[in-house]
Amino acid sequence: MPVNKTHHEFHTLDMERGWQLPEGYAPDSGAREKILSGSLDVLNKRGSRTRLLRFPPGLYTREPIVHDYWEEVFLVAGDLTVGNDAQGKGGTPFSGYTYAVRPPGAWHGPFKTEGGCLLLEIHYYDPA
């Protein structure tokens, strides 16, 4: 299966424009994604994408999530707590330069952030 990304040498990203609501997040959550490369076709279970995901201060999710594609996550900046309860309490806190890799079917979350965070995420379907 070919990779669905185009060649882009180093280039400056516009960190103000081009952000959108990520699928699965409430419009008033403040969560925003910026697709950097590729696309993910969840209906046909193919493709790959690289994105930035930004959470504003105080965001927390209430339920764990699962998906059928691989996910690699790098916490670039800020704080992220993993495993909080539905009221945003508890969990394990992490700070910048933290990494996770999750195979398809791995439950993860919920998540919260006190001061906001920026994540670099790579999502892809296994070509095998």
N, C-alpha and C. Protein backbone atom coordinates (compact mmCIF):
# COMPACT_ATOMS: atom_id res chain seq x y z
N MET A 1 0.86 -1.18 0.00
CA MET A 1 0.00 0.00 0.00
C MET A 1 0.90 1.24 0.00
N PRO A 2 0.71 2.16 -0.94
CA PRO A 2 1.52 3.37 -0.98
C PRO A 2 1.17 4.33 0.15
N VAL A 3 2.15 5.11 0.54
CA VAL A 3 1.93 6.15 1.55
C VAL A 3 1.26 7.34 0.88
N ASN A 4 0.24 7.90 1.51
CA ASN A 4 -0.54 8.97 0.90
C ASN A 4 -0.10 10.35 1.38
N LYS A 5 1.19 10.57 1.41
CA LYS A 5 1.72 11.87 1.83
C LYS A 5 2.60 12.43 0.73
N THR A 6 2.58 13.75 0.59
CA THR A 6 3.42 14.40 -0.42
C THR A 6 4.71 14.88 0.21
N HIS A 7 5.70 15.08 -0.63
CA HIS A 7 7.00 15.55 -0.18
C HIS A 7 6.92 17.03 0.21
N HIS A 8 7.31 17.32 1.43
CA HIS A 8 7.39 18.71 1.91
C HIS A 8 8.71 18.86 2.66
N GLU A 9 9.59 19.70 2.14
CA GLU A 9 10.81 20.00 2.88
C GLU A 9 10.45 20.91 4.06
N PHE A 10 11.42 21.21 4.88
CA PHE A 10 11.17 22.10 6.02
C PHE A 10 10.47 23.37 5.55
N HIS A 11 9.42 23.71 6.23
CA HIS A 11 8.68 24.93 5.92
C HIS A 11 8.03 25.42 7.21
N THR A 12 7.80 26.69 7.27
CA THR A 12 7.20 27.31 8.45
C THR A 12 5.71 26.99 8.50
N LEU A 13 5.23 26.59 9.65
CA LEU A 13 3.81 26.34 9.83
C LEU A 13 3.11 27.59 10.33
N ASP A 14 1.93 27.85 9.83
CA ASP A 14 1.10 28.93 10.34
C ASP A 14 0.36 28.39 11.55
N MET A 15 0.80 28.78 12.74
CA MET A 15 0.23 28.24 13.97
C MET A 15 -1.03 28.99 14.40
N GLU A 16 -1.44 29.97 13.62
CA GLU A 16 -2.67 30.72 13.94
C GLU A 16 -3.86 30.27 13.10
N ARG A 17 -3.63 29.94 11.84
CA ARG A 17 -4.73 29.59 10.93
C ARG A 17 -4.67 28.12 10.54
N GLY A 18 -5.82 27.60 10.07
CA GLY A 18 -5.88 26.24 9.56
C GLY A 18 -6.25 25.18 10.59
N TRP A 19 -6.67 25.61 11.78
CA TRP A 19 -7.08 24.67 12.83
C TRP A 19 -8.56 24.38 12.67
N GLN A 20 -8.97 23.15 13.02
CA GLN A 20 -10.37 22.75 12.94
C GLN A 20 -10.73 21.86 14.12
N LEU A 21 -12.00 21.67 14.32
CA LEU A 21 -12.50 20.80 15.39
C LEU A 21 -12.19 19.35 15.04
N PRO A 22 -11.48 18.62 15.91
CA PRO A 22 -11.23 17.21 15.63
C PRO A 22 -12.49 16.37 15.81
N GLU A 23 -12.62 15.32 15.02
CA GLU A 23 -13.76 14.42 15.15
C GLU A 23 -13.82 13.85 16.57
N GLY A 24 -15.03 13.82 17.12
CA GLY A 24 -15.23 13.24 18.44
C GLY A 24 -15.17 14.24 19.59
N TYR A 25 -14.83 15.49 19.31
CA TYR A 25 -14.76 16.52 20.35
C TYR A 25 -15.93 17.48 20.22
N ALA A 26 -16.46 17.91 21.34
CA ALA A 26 -17.57 18.86 21.35
C ALA A 26 -17.09 20.20 20.79
N PRO A 27 -17.94 20.89 20.04
CA PRO A 27 -17.55 22.18 19.46
C PRO A 27 -17.07 23.20 20.50
N ASP A 28 -17.62 23.14 21.71
CA ASP A 28 -17.22 24.10 22.73
C ASP A 28 -16.04 23.62 23.58
N SER A 29 -15.43 22.48 23.23
CA SER A 29 -14.32 21.93 24.01
C SER A 29 -13.05 22.78 23.88
N GLY A 30 -12.91 23.45 22.76
CA GLY A 30 -11.69 24.20 22.49
C GLY A 30 -10.59 23.36 21.85
N ALA A 31 -10.80 22.04 21.73
CA ALA A 31 -9.82 21.17 21.07
C ALA A 31 -9.76 21.53 19.59
N ARG A 32 -8.53 21.56 19.05
CA ARG A 32 -8.35 21.89 17.64
C ARG A 32 -7.24 21.03 17.06
N GLU A 33 -7.41 20.66 15.78
CA GLU A 33 -6.39 19.91 15.08
C GLU A 33 -5.93 20.68 13.85
N LYS A 34 -4.69 20.44 13.48
CA LYS A 34 -4.14 20.99 12.25
C LYS A 34 -3.48 19.82 11.52
N ILE A 35 -4.05 19.42 10.38
CA ILE A 35 -3.49 18.31 9.61
C ILE A 35 -2.23 18.81 8.90
N LEU A 36 -1.12 18.11 9.15
CA LEU A 36 0.14 18.49 8.53
C LEU A 36 0.40 17.74 7.23
N SER A 37 -0.05 16.46 7.19
CA SER A 37 0.23 15.65 6.01
C SER A 37 -0.69 14.44 5.98
N GLY A 38 -1.08 14.04 4.76
CA GLY A 38 -1.84 12.82 4.57
C GLY A 38 -3.30 12.94 4.95
N SER A 39 -3.97 11.79 4.97
CA SER A 39 -5.37 11.70 5.38
C SER A 39 -5.65 10.27 5.82
N LEU A 40 -6.65 10.14 6.65
CA LEU A 40 -7.03 8.84 7.19
C LEU A 40 -8.44 8.52 6.73
N ASP A 41 -8.62 7.42 6.05
CA ASP A 41 -9.92 6.97 5.56
C ASP A 41 -10.41 5.88 6.52
N VAL A 42 -11.19 6.29 7.53
CA VAL A 42 -11.63 5.33 8.54
C VAL A 42 -12.70 4.37 8.02
N LEU A 43 -13.45 4.77 7.01
CA LEU A 43 -14.46 3.86 6.44
C LEU A 43 -13.82 2.68 5.71
N ASN A 44 -12.77 2.96 4.93
CA ASN A 44 -12.10 1.91 4.17
C ASN A 44 -10.83 1.39 4.85
N LYS A 45 -10.56 1.92 6.05
CA LYS A 45 -9.43 1.48 6.87
C LYS A 45 -8.09 1.52 6.13
N ARG A 46 -7.78 2.72 5.64
CA ARG A 46 -6.50 2.91 4.97
C ARG A 46 -6.05 4.35 5.12
N GLY A 47 -4.78 4.53 4.84
CA GLY A 47 -4.21 5.87 4.86
C GLY A 47 -3.41 6.14 6.12
N SER A 48 -2.87 7.34 6.15
CA SER A 48 -2.09 7.81 7.29
C SER A 48 -2.16 9.33 7.33
N ARG A 49 -2.01 9.87 8.52
CA ARG A 49 -1.99 11.33 8.64
C ARG A 49 -1.08 11.70 9.80
N THR A 50 -0.56 12.89 9.69
CA THR A 50 0.20 13.51 10.76
C THR A 50 -0.52 14.80 11.10
N ARG A 51 -0.76 15.01 12.40
CA ARG A 51 -1.47 16.21 12.80
C ARG A 51 -0.91 16.76 14.10
N LEU A 52 -1.21 18.04 14.31
CA LEU A 52 -1.03 18.66 15.61
C LEU A 52 -2.40 18.68 16.27
N LEU A 53 -2.45 18.40 17.55
CA LEU A 53 -3.68 18.47 18.33
C LEU A 53 -3.41 19.38 19.51
N ARG A 54 -4.26 20.39 19.64
CA ARG A 54 -4.08 21.39 20.70
C ARG A 54 -5.27 21.35 21.65
N PHE A 55 -4.99 21.24 22.94
CA PHE A 55 -6.01 21.30 23.98
C PHE A 55 -5.84 22.60 24.76
N PRO A 56 -6.94 23.33 25.00
CA PRO A 56 -6.84 24.56 25.79
C PRO A 56 -6.74 24.24 27.29
N PRO A 57 -6.28 25.19 28.09
CA PRO A 57 -6.24 24.98 29.53
C PRO A 57 -7.61 24.57 30.07
N GLY A 58 -7.60 23.58 30.96
CA GLY A 58 -8.83 23.14 31.61
C GLY A 58 -9.62 22.07 30.88
N LEU A 59 -9.26 21.72 29.65
CA LEU A 59 -10.01 20.69 28.91
C LEU A 59 -9.85 19.35 29.61
N TYR A 60 -10.94 18.61 29.71
CA TYR A 60 -10.85 17.20 30.11
C TYR A 60 -11.94 16.42 29.41
N THR A 61 -11.61 15.17 29.11
CA THR A 61 -12.57 14.27 28.50
C THR A 61 -13.09 13.34 29.58
N ARG A 62 -14.24 12.74 29.32
CA ARG A 62 -14.92 11.95 30.35
C ARG A 62 -14.86 10.45 30.15
N GLU A 63 -14.57 10.00 28.93
CA GLU A 63 -14.61 8.58 28.61
C GLU A 63 -13.32 8.16 27.92
N PRO A 64 -12.87 6.92 28.15
CA PRO A 64 -11.76 6.39 27.34
C PRO A 64 -12.21 6.20 25.89
N ILE A 65 -11.26 6.15 24.99
CA ILE A 65 -11.57 5.98 23.57
C ILE A 65 -10.77 4.81 23.00
N VAL A 66 -11.21 4.33 21.86
CA VAL A 66 -10.50 3.26 21.15
C VAL A 66 -10.72 3.49 19.65
N HIS A 67 -9.74 3.13 18.85
CA HIS A 67 -9.89 3.22 17.40
C HIS A 67 -9.15 2.05 16.75
N ASP A 68 -9.38 1.87 15.45
CA ASP A 68 -8.86 0.70 14.76
C ASP A 68 -7.60 0.99 13.94
N TYR A 69 -6.88 2.04 14.27
CA TYR A 69 -5.63 2.37 13.60
C TYR A 69 -4.53 2.60 14.63
N TRP A 70 -3.29 2.51 14.18
CA TRP A 70 -2.14 2.80 15.02
C TRP A 70 -2.11 4.29 15.34
N GLU A 71 -1.60 4.61 16.51
CA GLU A 71 -1.46 6.01 16.91
C GLU A 71 -0.15 6.20 17.65
N GLU A 72 0.62 7.18 17.19
CA GLU A 72 1.82 7.60 17.91
C GLU A 72 1.60 9.04 18.34
N VAL A 73 1.90 9.33 19.60
CA VAL A 73 1.63 10.65 20.16
C VAL A 73 2.89 11.15 20.87
N PHE A 74 3.28 12.38 20.54
CA PHE A 74 4.40 13.04 21.21
C PHE A 74 3.89 14.33 21.83
N LEU A 75 4.03 14.45 23.14
CA LEU A 75 3.62 15.66 23.87
C LEU A 75 4.72 16.70 23.70
N VAL A 76 4.47 17.66 22.82
CA VAL A 76 5.46 18.67 22.47
C VAL A 76 5.61 19.71 23.58
N ALA A 77 4.48 20.18 24.10
CA ALA A 77 4.52 21.24 25.11
C ALA A 77 3.30 21.15 26.00
N GLY A 78 3.44 21.64 27.21
CA GLY A 78 2.32 21.70 28.14
C GLY A 78 2.23 20.46 29.02
N ASP A 79 1.04 20.26 29.55
CA ASP A 79 0.81 19.13 30.46
C ASP A 79 -0.38 18.31 29.98
N LEU A 80 -0.32 17.02 30.22
CA LEU A 80 -1.40 16.11 29.85
C LEU A 80 -1.51 15.05 30.94
N THR A 81 -2.70 14.89 31.48
CA THR A 81 -2.95 13.83 32.46
C THR A 81 -3.78 12.76 31.78
N VAL A 82 -3.39 11.51 31.98
CA VAL A 82 -4.04 10.36 31.35
C VAL A 82 -4.71 9.52 32.42
N GLY A 83 -5.97 9.16 32.19
CA GLY A 83 -6.67 8.27 33.10
C GLY A 83 -7.48 8.95 34.19
N ASN A 84 -7.87 10.20 33.96
CA ASN A 84 -8.72 10.89 34.93
C ASN A 84 -10.13 10.29 34.91
N ASP A 85 -10.93 10.64 35.91
CA ASP A 85 -12.31 10.15 35.94
C ASP A 85 -13.23 11.11 35.17
N ALA A 86 -14.51 10.83 35.17
CA ALA A 86 -15.48 11.62 34.40
C ALA A 86 -15.63 13.04 34.91
N GLN A 87 -15.15 13.32 36.12
CA GLN A 87 -15.19 14.68 36.66
C GLN A 87 -13.85 15.40 36.50
N GLY A 88 -12.90 14.76 35.82
CA GLY A 88 -11.60 15.37 35.59
C GLY A 88 -10.63 15.19 36.74
N LYS A 89 -10.90 14.30 37.67
CA LYS A 89 -10.04 14.08 38.84
C LYS A 89 -9.15 12.86 38.62
N GLY A 90 -7.96 12.91 39.23
CA GLY A 90 -7.05 11.77 39.20
C GLY A 90 -6.31 11.64 37.89
N GLY A 91 -5.70 10.47 37.68
CA GLY A 91 -4.92 10.21 36.49
C GLY A 91 -3.44 10.38 36.73
N THR A 92 -2.65 10.10 35.70
CA THR A 92 -1.20 10.22 35.76
C THR A 92 -0.76 11.41 34.92
N PRO A 93 -0.09 12.40 35.55
CA PRO A 93 0.32 13.59 34.80
C PRO A 93 1.63 13.39 34.04
N PHE A 94 1.71 14.03 32.87
CA PHE A 94 2.91 14.02 32.05
C PHE A 94 3.19 15.44 31.58
N SER A 95 4.47 15.71 31.27
CA SER A 95 4.82 17.02 30.72
C SER A 95 5.53 16.80 29.38
N GLY A 96 5.97 17.89 28.77
CA GLY A 96 6.55 17.86 27.43
C GLY A 96 7.63 16.80 27.25
N TYR A 97 7.78 16.37 26.00
CA TYR A 97 8.73 15.36 25.57
C TYR A 97 8.38 13.98 26.12
N THR A 98 7.09 13.66 26.08
CA THR A 98 6.59 12.36 26.48
C THR A 98 5.96 11.72 25.25
N TYR A 99 6.10 10.40 25.12
CA TYR A 99 5.70 9.69 23.90
C TYR A 99 4.84 8.48 24.24
N ALA A 100 3.88 8.18 23.37
CA ALA A 100 3.07 6.96 23.48
C ALA A 100 2.89 6.38 22.09
N VAL A 101 2.81 5.06 22.01
CA VAL A 101 2.43 4.37 20.78
C VAL A 101 1.36 3.36 21.15
N ARG A 102 0.27 3.37 20.37
CA ARG A 102 -0.89 2.52 20.66
C ARG A 102 -1.28 1.73 19.43
N PRO A 103 -1.40 0.41 19.58
CA PRO A 103 -1.88 -0.40 18.46
C PRO A 103 -3.39 -0.27 18.31
N PRO A 104 -3.92 -0.71 17.18
CA PRO A 104 -5.38 -0.71 17.02
C PRO A 104 -6.04 -1.49 18.15
N GLY A 105 -7.16 -0.96 18.65
CA GLY A 105 -7.91 -1.63 19.70
C GLY A 105 -7.47 -1.32 21.12
N ALA A 106 -6.44 -0.48 21.29
CA ALA A 106 -5.96 -0.14 22.64
C ALA A 106 -6.80 1.00 23.22
N TRP A 107 -7.50 0.72 24.30
CA TRP A 107 -8.28 1.76 24.99
C TRP A 107 -7.31 2.74 25.65
N HIS A 108 -7.63 4.05 25.60
CA HIS A 108 -6.78 5.06 26.22
C HIS A 108 -7.62 6.26 26.64
N GLY A 109 -7.06 7.03 27.59
CA GLY A 109 -7.79 8.17 28.14
C GLY A 109 -8.58 7.74 29.36
N PRO A 110 -9.48 8.60 29.81
CA PRO A 110 -9.69 9.99 29.40
C PRO A 110 -8.43 10.86 29.64
N PHE A 111 -8.50 12.09 29.13
CA PHE A 111 -7.38 13.02 29.20
C PHE A 111 -7.83 14.33 29.82
N LYS A 112 -6.87 15.02 30.43
CA LYS A 112 -7.12 16.38 30.89
C LYS A 112 -5.83 17.17 30.82
N THR A 113 -5.96 18.48 30.79
CA THR A 113 -4.81 19.37 30.83
C THR A 113 -5.14 20.57 31.71
N GLU A 114 -4.22 20.92 32.56
CA GLU A 114 -4.40 22.10 33.42
C GLU A 114 -4.06 23.38 32.66
N GLY A 115 -2.89 23.40 32.03
CA GLY A 115 -2.42 24.61 31.38
C GLY A 115 -2.49 24.60 29.87
N GLY A 116 -3.04 23.53 29.29
CA GLY A 116 -3.08 23.39 27.84
C GLY A 116 -1.91 22.56 27.36
N CYS A 117 -2.04 22.01 26.16
CA CYS A 117 -0.93 21.23 25.61
C CYS A 117 -0.99 21.19 24.09
N LEU A 118 0.13 20.80 23.51
CA LEU A 118 0.27 20.61 22.07
C LEU A 118 0.84 19.23 21.84
N LEU A 119 0.12 18.43 21.05
CA LEU A 119 0.51 17.05 20.74
C LEU A 119 0.80 16.92 19.26
N LEU A 120 1.82 16.15 18.91
CA LEU A 120 2.08 15.74 17.54
C LEU A 120 1.64 14.30 17.44
N GLU A 121 0.71 14.01 16.52
CA GLU A 121 0.15 12.67 16.39
C GLU A 121 0.33 12.13 14.98
N ILE A 122 0.63 10.84 14.90
CA ILE A 122 0.71 10.13 13.63
C ILE A 122 -0.27 8.96 13.73
N HIS A 123 -1.19 8.89 12.78
CA HIS A 123 -2.20 7.83 12.73
C HIS A 123 -2.04 7.07 11.44
N TYR A 124 -2.14 5.74 11.49
CA TYR A 124 -2.01 4.96 10.27
C TYR A 124 -2.60 3.56 10.43
N TYR A 125 -3.05 3.03 9.33
CA TYR A 125 -3.53 1.65 9.28
C TYR A 125 -2.35 0.74 8.94
N ASP A 126 -2.34 -0.45 9.50
CA ASP A 126 -1.29 -1.43 9.25
C ASP A 126 -1.41 -1.90 7.80
N PRO A 127 -0.37 -1.74 6.99
CA PRO A 127 -0.47 -2.14 5.59
C PRO A 127 -0.42 -3.64 5.37
N ALA A 128 -0.09 -4.42 6.39
CA ALA A 128 0.04 -5.88 6.23
C ALA A 128 -1.30 -6.56 6.10
